[in-house]
Protein backbone atom coordinates (compact mmCIF):
# COMPACT_ATOMS: atom_id res chain seq x y z
CA UNK A 1 87.40 8.98 80.40
CA UNK A 2 85.08 11.96 80.29
CA UNK A 3 86.42 15.39 80.16
CA UNK A 4 85.49 18.15 82.56
CA UNK A 5 84.13 21.42 81.25
CA UNK A 6 87.38 23.00 82.46
CA UNK A 7 89.27 20.84 80.02
CA UNK A 8 87.17 21.81 76.94
CA UNK A 9 88.79 24.84 75.34
CA UNK A 10 85.58 26.31 74.04
CA UNK A 11 83.90 26.41 77.36
CA UNK A 12 85.91 29.40 78.55
CA UNK A 13 84.28 31.47 75.73
CA UNK A 14 80.87 30.46 76.63
CA UNK A 15 78.18 33.14 77.48
CA UNK A 16 77.36 31.15 80.62
CA UNK A 17 80.82 31.66 82.13
CA UNK A 18 79.56 34.82 83.99
CA UNK A 19 76.32 33.18 84.98
CA UNK A 20 75.40 31.17 88.21
CA UNK A 21 75.85 27.41 87.21
CA UNK A 22 72.73 26.61 89.22
CA UNK A 23 70.72 28.49 86.43
CA UNK A 24 71.62 25.61 83.94
CA UNK A 25 71.07 22.72 86.54
CA UNK A 26 67.61 23.16 87.95
CA UNK A 27 66.65 20.70 90.63
CA UNK A 28 63.22 20.33 89.21
CA UNK A 29 61.72 21.27 85.88
CA UNK A 30 61.03 25.07 86.05
CA UNK A 31 59.75 26.77 82.82
CA UNK A 32 61.02 30.26 84.04
CA UNK A 33 64.50 29.26 84.73
CA UNK A 34 64.79 27.19 81.68
CA UNK A 35 63.85 30.30 79.58
CA UNK A 36 66.38 32.33 81.48
CA UNK A 37 69.00 29.76 80.87
CA UNK A 38 68.17 29.49 77.19
CA UNK A 39 68.30 33.22 76.77
CA UNK A 40 71.89 33.18 77.91
CA UNK A 41 72.58 30.40 75.44
CA UNK A 42 70.87 32.25 72.54
CA UNK A 43 73.74 34.91 72.22
CA UNK A 44 76.55 32.42 72.93
CA UNK A 45 79.54 32.43 70.52
CA UNK A 46 80.18 28.66 71.25
CA UNK A 47 76.42 27.39 71.04
CA UNK A 48 77.24 24.92 68.39
CA UNK A 49 80.34 23.44 70.18
CA UNK A 50 78.47 23.28 73.55
CA UNK A 51 75.48 21.57 71.82
CA UNK A 52 77.58 18.99 69.91
CA UNK A 53 79.57 18.23 73.22
CA UNK A 54 76.42 17.60 75.21
CA UNK A 55 74.96 15.38 72.36
CA UNK A 56 78.09 13.32 71.96
CA UNK A 57 78.74 13.07 75.75
CA UNK A 58 74.99 12.26 76.32
CA UNK A 59 75.13 14.71 79.30
CA UNK A 60 72.33 13.55 81.54
CA UNK A 61 71.66 16.79 83.46
CA UNK A 62 71.26 20.44 82.71
CA UNK A 63 70.81 22.89 79.96
CA UNK A 64 73.70 22.62 77.30
CA UNK A 65 73.77 24.36 73.98
CA UNK A 66 70.25 25.87 74.64
CA UNK A 67 68.64 22.48 75.07
CA UNK A 68 67.21 20.62 77.91
CA UNK A 69 67.86 16.91 78.50
CA UNK A 70 64.52 16.06 76.89
CA UNK A 71 65.33 18.17 73.85
CA UNK A 72 68.78 16.51 73.59
CA UNK A 73 67.15 13.09 74.02
CA UNK A 74 64.80 13.88 71.23
CA UNK A 75 67.63 14.84 68.77
CA UNK A 76 69.57 11.71 69.70
CA UNK A 77 66.61 9.43 69.54
CA UNK A 78 64.03 10.86 67.14
CA UNK A 79 60.50 9.26 66.89
CA UNK A 80 60.60 6.17 65.00
CA UNK A 81 64.34 5.54 65.55
CA UNK A 82 63.75 1.91 66.58
CA UNK A 83 63.01 -0.58 63.85
CA UNK A 84 59.69 -2.71 64.40
CA UNK A 85 60.58 -5.90 66.07
CA UNK A 86 60.73 -8.94 63.86
CA UNK A 87 57.62 -10.93 64.30
């Protein structure tokens, strides 16, 4: 069963707690909005915990731990992670 953010103790100490949640969940890719969200994350005391959670939970949306979905995917599946198919 997946935990909600409210059930994660570190989340209440996040720098984002005073921000509009929509800042971290853009409806479409928006460079300016992404930069504003990442600026909030950059000074966060729980950045590491947030990032680790998002990677472990494979969060499918939003900016978590200062990373976009694409950036998290790149960390989870770095270039060349698949072995070449046997031929």
